[in-house]
Amino acid sequence: MKQGELADAKRRALNIFDGWNDVTGAVTKGSSWYYELQGVVEDAVDCGAQAASGVHELLEVEKQ
């Protein structure tokens, strides 16, 4: 997977998250929880990209 493709996948996932959040109003946009959840979504995309390419490396969040 190319860097641009991964960036596109993250943007797509964040748009899906924002759509869900707009409908549910679960998290206030701009709050710390909102940005934390965005990070979780981005990490999930990274995990999916690794799985699709048959690679398993610890993400930065897993190293902490």
C-alpha atoms as a PDB file:
ATOM      1  CA  MET A   1       0.000   0.000   0.000  1.00  0.00           C
ATOM      2  CA  LYS A   2       1.278   3.449  -0.897  1.00  0.00           C
ATOM      3  CA  GLN A   3       1.338   6.330   1.591  1.00  0.00           C
ATOM      4  CA  GLY A   4      -1.273   8.222  -0.431  1.00  0.00           C
ATOM      5  CA  GLU A   5      -3.605   5.231  -0.404  1.00  0.00           C
ATOM      6  CA  LEU A   6      -3.258   4.896   3.355  1.00  0.00           C
ATOM      7  CA  ALA A   7      -3.946   8.609   3.811  1.00  0.00           C
ATOM      8  CA  ASP A   8      -7.057   8.287   1.617  1.00  0.00           C
ATOM      9  CA  ALA A   9      -8.251   5.318   3.694  1.00  0.00           C
ATOM     10  CA  LYS A  10      -7.810   7.299   6.907  1.00  0.00           C
ATOM     11  CA  ARG A  11      -9.741  10.250   5.488  1.00  0.00           C
ATOM     12  CA  ARG A  12     -12.541   7.911   4.405  1.00  0.00           C
ATOM     13  CA  ALA A  13     -12.724   6.306   7.846  1.00  0.00           C
ATOM     14  CA  LEU A  14     -12.713   9.705   9.571  1.00  0.00           C
ATOM     15  CA  ASN A  15     -15.545  10.864   7.287  1.00  0.00           C
ATOM     16  CA  ILE A  16     -17.546   7.778   8.275  1.00  0.00           C
ATOM     17  CA  PHE A  17     -16.837   8.509  11.947  1.00  0.00           C
ATOM     18  CA  ASP A  18     -17.893  12.153  11.515  1.00  0.00           C
ATOM     19  CA  GLY A  19     -21.111  11.069   9.802  1.00  0.00           C
ATOM     20  CA  TRP A  20     -21.915   8.712  12.658  1.00  0.00           C
ATOM     21  CA  ASN A  21     -21.037  11.370  15.221  1.00  0.00           C
ATOM     22  CA  ASP A  22     -23.180  13.983  13.458  1.00  0.00           C
ATOM     23  CA  VAL A  23     -26.192  11.648  13.624  1.00  0.00           C
ATOM     24  CA  THR A  24     -25.674  10.460  17.196  1.00  0.00           C
ATOM     25  CA  GLY A  25     -24.136  13.551  18.768  1.00  0.00           C
ATOM     26  CA  ALA A  26     -22.169  11.139  20.941  1.00  0.00           C
ATOM     27  CA  VAL A  27     -19.028  13.259  21.199  1.00  0.00           C
ATOM     28  CA  THR A  28     -18.677  17.032  21.086  1.00  0.00           C
ATOM     29  CA  LYS A  29     -16.593  18.051  18.074  1.00  0.00           C
ATOM     30  CA  GLY A  30     -13.361  19.686  19.157  1.00  0.00           C
ATOM     31  CA  SER A  31     -13.348  17.984  22.551  1.00  0.00           C
ATOM     32  CA  SER A  32     -10.445  15.877  23.745  1.00  0.00           C
ATOM     33  CA  TRP A  33     -12.586  12.736  23.395  1.00  0.00           C
ATOM     34  CA  TYR A  34     -13.341  13.629  19.785  1.00  0.00           C
ATOM     35  CA  TYR A  35      -9.630  13.790  18.944  1.00  0.00           C
ATOM     36  CA  GLU A  36      -8.896  10.633  20.932  1.00  0.00           C
ATOM     37  CA  LEU A  37     -11.547   8.765  18.935  1.00  0.00           C
ATOM     38  CA  GLN A  38     -10.095  10.085  15.689  1.00  0.00           C
ATOM     39  CA  GLY A  39      -6.773   8.584  16.755  1.00  0.00           C
ATOM     40  CA  VAL A  40      -8.443   5.235  17.440  1.00  0.00           C
ATOM     41  CA  VAL A  41     -10.027   5.297  13.976  1.00  0.00           C
ATOM     42  CA  GLU A  42      -6.658   6.068  12.354  1.00  0.00           C
ATOM     43  CA  ASP A  43      -4.985   3.251  14.312  1.00  0.00           C
ATOM     44  CA  ALA A  44      -7.715   0.859  13.171  1.00  0.00           C
ATOM     45  CA  VAL A  45      -7.014   1.789   9.546  1.00  0.00           C
ATOM     46  CA  ASP A  46      -3.309   1.122  10.129  1.00  0.00           C
ATOM     47  CA  CYS A  47      -4.165  -2.300  11.606  1.00  0.00           C
ATOM     48  CA  GLY A  48      -6.354  -3.104   8.606  1.00  0.00           C
ATOM     49  CA  ALA A  49      -3.641  -2.056   6.179  1.00  0.00           C
ATOM     50  CA  GLN A  50      -1.146  -4.295   7.954  1.00  0.00           C
ATOM     51  CA  ALA A  51      -3.560  -7.219   7.905  1.00  0.00           C
ATOM     52  CA  ALA A  52      -4.267  -6.737   4.203  1.00  0.00           C
ATOM     53  CA  SER A  53      -0.565  -6.738   3.391  1.00  0.00           C
ATOM     54  CA  GLY A  54       0.308  -9.654   5.679  1.00  0.00           C
ATOM     55  CA  VAL A  55       2.480  -7.524   7.952  1.00  0.00           C
ATOM     56  CA  HIS A  56       2.301  -7.313  11.723  1.00  0.00           C
ATOM     57  CA  GLU A  57       4.346  -4.597  13.355  1.00  0.00           C
ATOM     58  CA  LEU A  58       3.545  -2.805  16.572  1.00  0.00           C
ATOM     59  CA  LEU A  59       1.917   0.568  16.063  1.00  0.00           C
ATOM     60  CA  GLU A  60       3.360   3.522  17.943  1.00  0.00           C
ATOM     61  CA  VAL A  61       0.391   3.439  20.319  1.00  0.00           C
ATOM     62  CA  GLU A  62       1.197  -0.210  21.166  1.00  0.00           C
ATOM     63  CA  LYS A  63       4.811   0.607  21.971  1.00  0.00           C
ATOM     64  CA  GLN A  64       3.852   3.094  24.686  1.00  0.00           C
END
